[in-house]
Amino acid sequence: MDQPPLIGKNIQKIRNSQNLTLNVLSERSGVSKAMLSQIESNKVNPTIATVWKISQGLGVEVHALLEGTDEPKRKFSINRYENIVTLDTDEEGVLIHVLSPLSMVEDLELYMLTFELGAALRSDPHFPNSEEFITVIKGQVKVTAGKNVTELKKGDFIAYHCDVDHSIENSGTGKTVVHMVVRYNKS
């Protein structure tokens, strides 16, 4: 079984790297100097709430206290082709590959859409101020968002609010492929 992280030593290391005294960290975090001293010497295990207060006082993410570094955690996430989800739709001739991981749902979603000749994807409004970004990889499409309509061909890009009824339709003479990003604004 793995050992729990040495949170106290990590706090002390980060505090010292910022040249902060226990008094200053106490003032910034709202955690008493005595409690900070006990935590740093690993005499007590702090609650999650206390760890959060200390992270705020140090100006670092909580994970920094667990890992002992005030460096931001860097993403390097891979979604292999064989793991890409394909969505079924009620629309005939539309194939949707979900490129982004499940953890990004209703935040930032990335798709590769394939449209057979004449096929269309019609969507209801998303969250207010949500946006879609489309780049045509192959073929030609007609994009409608509310009262706005345009034709796009290979290499064209469009950004539009998708908080209205909207659609993407293959208006070309063969198969069409588009890359789509959906950015949700829930605030």
Protein backbone atom coordinates (compact mmCIF):
# COMPACT_ATOMS: atom_id res chain seq x y z
CA MET A 1 0.00 0.00 0.00
CA ASP A 2 1.29 3.45 -0.90
CA GLN A 3 2.13 5.90 1.88
CA PRO A 4 0.07 9.10 2.12
CA PRO A 5 1.82 12.25 0.92
CA LEU A 6 3.89 14.22 3.42
CA ILE A 7 1.63 17.25 3.27
CA GLY A 8 3.36 18.96 6.20
CA LYS A 9 6.81 18.75 4.63
CA ASN A 10 5.36 19.85 1.28
CA ILE A 11 3.72 22.89 2.90
CA GLN A 12 6.99 23.76 4.62
CA LYS A 13 8.95 23.39 1.38
CA ILE A 14 6.58 25.63 -0.59
CA ARG A 15 6.33 28.18 2.26
CA ASN A 16 10.15 28.38 2.47
CA SER A 17 10.48 28.69 -1.32
CA GLN A 18 8.22 31.76 -1.08
CA ASN A 19 10.23 33.14 1.89
CA LEU A 20 7.12 33.20 4.10
CA THR A 21 7.17 32.92 7.88
CA LEU A 22 4.61 30.85 9.77
CA ASN A 23 3.11 34.14 10.98
CA VAL A 24 2.56 35.42 7.44
CA LEU A 25 1.10 32.11 6.24
CA SER A 26 -1.16 32.08 9.30
CA GLU A 27 -2.47 35.56 8.44
CA ARG A 28 -2.99 34.68 4.78
CA SER A 29 -4.65 31.31 5.38
CA GLY A 30 -6.58 31.83 8.60
CA VAL A 31 -4.91 28.74 10.10
CA SER A 32 -3.20 29.34 13.45
CA LYS A 33 0.58 29.44 13.64
CA ALA A 34 0.52 26.61 16.20
CA MET A 35 -1.60 24.42 13.89
CA LEU A 36 0.67 25.19 10.92
CA SER A 37 3.71 24.21 12.99
CA GLN A 38 2.09 20.91 14.00
CA ILE A 39 1.09 20.18 10.39
CA GLU A 40 4.57 20.97 9.05
CA SER A 41 6.15 18.64 11.62
CA ASN A 42 3.63 15.93 10.67
CA LYS A 43 2.28 15.75 14.23
CA VAL A 44 -1.32 16.20 13.00
CA ASN A 45 -3.17 15.38 9.81
CA PRO A 46 -5.02 18.43 8.54
CA THR A 47 -8.62 18.28 7.33
CA ILE A 48 -9.39 18.89 3.67
CA ALA A 49 -10.77 22.31 4.61
CA THR A 50 -7.51 23.20 6.37
CA VAL A 51 -5.42 22.01 3.40
CA TRP A 52 -7.58 24.17 1.14
CA LYS A 53 -7.10 27.24 3.39
CA ILE A 54 -3.33 26.70 3.40
CA SER A 55 -3.25 26.30 -0.39
CA GLN A 56 -5.13 29.60 -0.71
CA GLY A 57 -2.68 31.26 1.69
CA LEU A 58 0.25 30.00 -0.38
CA GLY A 59 -1.46 30.87 -3.66
CA VAL A 60 -1.12 27.33 -5.04
CA GLU A 61 -3.52 24.56 -6.04
CA VAL A 62 -4.30 21.86 -3.46
CA HIS A 63 -2.48 19.26 -5.60
CA ALA A 64 0.74 21.23 -5.05
CA LEU A 65 0.53 20.46 -1.35
CA LEU A 66 -0.04 16.77 -2.07
CA GLU A 67 2.79 16.56 -4.59
CA GLY A 68 5.24 18.96 -2.96
CA THR A 69 5.60 21.32 -5.88
CA ASP A 70 4.10 24.68 -6.66
CA GLU A 71 4.43 23.96 -10.36
CA PRO A 72 1.06 23.70 -12.11
CA LYS A 73 0.05 20.20 -13.12
CA ARG A 74 0.54 19.87 -16.88
CA LYS A 75 -1.91 17.96 -19.08
CA PHE A 76 -0.77 15.38 -21.58
CA SER A 77 -3.88 13.35 -22.32
CA ILE A 78 -4.21 11.00 -25.28
CA ASN A 79 -7.41 9.57 -26.71
CA ARG A 80 -6.38 6.81 -29.14
CA TYR A 81 -8.38 6.24 -32.31
CA GLU A 82 -9.63 2.84 -31.15
CA ASN A 83 -11.07 4.49 -28.01
CA ILE A 84 -12.88 7.32 -29.80
CA VAL A 85 -16.63 7.14 -29.23
CA THR A 86 -19.00 7.23 -32.17
CA LEU A 87 -22.44 8.68 -31.42
CA ASP A 88 -25.64 7.37 -32.89
CA THR A 89 -27.97 10.05 -34.18
CA ASP A 90 -31.53 10.13 -35.40
CA GLU A 91 -30.20 11.84 -38.51
CA GLU A 92 -29.66 9.55 -41.51
CA GLY A 93 -26.16 9.72 -43.02
CA VAL A 94 -24.43 11.58 -40.16
CA LEU A 95 -21.53 9.99 -38.29
CA ILE A 96 -20.21 11.76 -35.17
CA HIS A 97 -16.81 10.87 -33.67
CA VAL A 98 -16.24 12.33 -30.18
CA LEU A 99 -12.55 13.28 -30.06
CA SER A 100 -12.51 14.82 -26.59
CA PRO A 101 -12.48 12.76 -23.38
CA LEU A 102 -15.61 12.29 -21.29
CA SER A 103 -14.17 14.59 -18.60
CA MET A 104 -14.66 17.55 -20.97
CA VAL A 105 -18.41 16.99 -21.59
CA GLU A 106 -20.43 20.22 -21.51
CA ASP A 107 -17.25 22.24 -21.15
CA LEU A 108 -15.24 22.00 -24.35
CA GLU A 109 -16.14 19.21 -26.78
CA LEU A 110 -14.33 18.24 -29.98
CA TYR A 111 -15.89 16.27 -32.82
CA MET A 112 -15.19 14.96 -36.30
CA LEU A 113 -18.45 14.81 -38.27
CA THR A 114 -18.98 12.94 -41.53
CA PHE A 115 -22.01 13.72 -43.68
CA GLU A 116 -23.19 11.56 -46.55
CA LEU A 117 -24.61 13.37 -49.59
CA GLY A 118 -27.62 15.49 -48.54
CA ALA A 119 -27.37 14.56 -44.83
CA ALA A 120 -27.94 17.15 -42.11
CA LEU A 121 -27.47 17.48 -38.36
CA ARG A 122 -30.14 19.61 -36.70
CA SER A 123 -29.65 20.73 -33.09
CA ASP A 124 -31.73 22.39 -30.43
CA PRO A 125 -30.26 25.41 -28.60
CA HIS A 126 -27.39 24.72 -26.18
CA PHE A 127 -26.66 26.64 -22.95
CA PRO A 128 -26.87 30.47 -23.32
CA ASN A 129 -23.80 31.97 -25.02
CA SER A 130 -22.43 28.56 -26.04
CA GLU A 131 -20.46 28.57 -29.28
CA GLU A 132 -19.60 26.17 -32.08
CA PHE A 133 -16.47 26.41 -34.22
CA ILE A 134 -16.39 24.51 -37.49
CA THR A 135 -13.62 23.89 -40.00
CA VAL A 136 -14.52 22.12 -43.23
CA ILE A 137 -11.99 19.36 -43.90
CA LYS A 138 -13.61 17.94 -47.04
CA GLY A 139 -16.64 18.90 -49.12
CA GLN A 140 -19.14 21.68 -48.57
CA VAL A 141 -21.74 22.52 -45.91
CA LYS A 142 -24.58 24.92 -45.28
CA VAL A 143 -24.59 26.20 -41.69
CA THR A 144 -27.70 27.76 -40.18
CA ALA A 145 -27.76 29.38 -36.73
CA GLY A 146 -31.02 31.14 -35.97
CA LYS A 147 -31.59 33.54 -38.88
CA ASN A 148 -27.97 33.36 -40.09
CA VAL A 149 -27.13 31.07 -43.02
CA THR A 150 -23.90 30.55 -44.95
CA GLU A 151 -22.19 28.09 -47.29
CA LEU A 152 -18.70 26.83 -46.44
CA LYS A 153 -16.23 24.80 -48.49
CA LYS A 154 -12.99 22.97 -47.75
CA GLY A 155 -10.69 25.05 -45.54
CA ASP A 156 -13.39 27.51 -44.43
CA PHE A 157 -13.93 28.23 -40.74
CA ILE A 158 -16.96 29.59 -38.89
CA ALA A 159 -17.69 30.54 -35.27
CA TYR A 160 -21.27 31.10 -34.13
CA HIS A 161 -23.46 31.08 -31.06
CA CYS A 162 -25.33 27.78 -30.83
CA ASP A 163 -27.86 28.85 -28.18
CA VAL A 164 -30.45 28.97 -30.98
CA ASP A 165 -31.79 26.26 -33.29
CA HIS A 166 -28.92 25.43 -35.63
CA SER A 167 -27.96 22.95 -38.31
CA ILE A 168 -25.13 21.71 -40.49
CA GLU A 169 -26.05 20.26 -43.86
CA ASN A 170 -23.95 18.64 -46.56
CA SER A 171 -24.61 20.91 -49.54
CA GLY A 172 -21.82 19.49 -51.70
CA THR A 173 -21.71 16.76 -54.33
CA GLY A 174 -20.14 14.04 -52.19
CA LYS A 175 -19.17 13.09 -48.65
CA THR A 176 -18.34 16.01 -46.32
CA VAL A 177 -16.11 15.98 -43.24
CA VAL A 178 -16.00 18.80 -40.67
CA HIS A 179 -14.10 19.34 -37.43
CA MET A 180 -16.30 20.92 -34.76
CA VAL A 181 -15.52 22.38 -31.34
CA VAL A 182 -18.33 23.22 -28.93
CA ARG A 183 -17.55 25.61 -26.09
CA TYR A 184 -20.19 25.84 -23.37
CA ASN A 185 -20.60 29.01 -21.35
CA LYS A 186 -22.53 28.09 -18.22
CA SER A 187 -21.97 31.29 -16.27
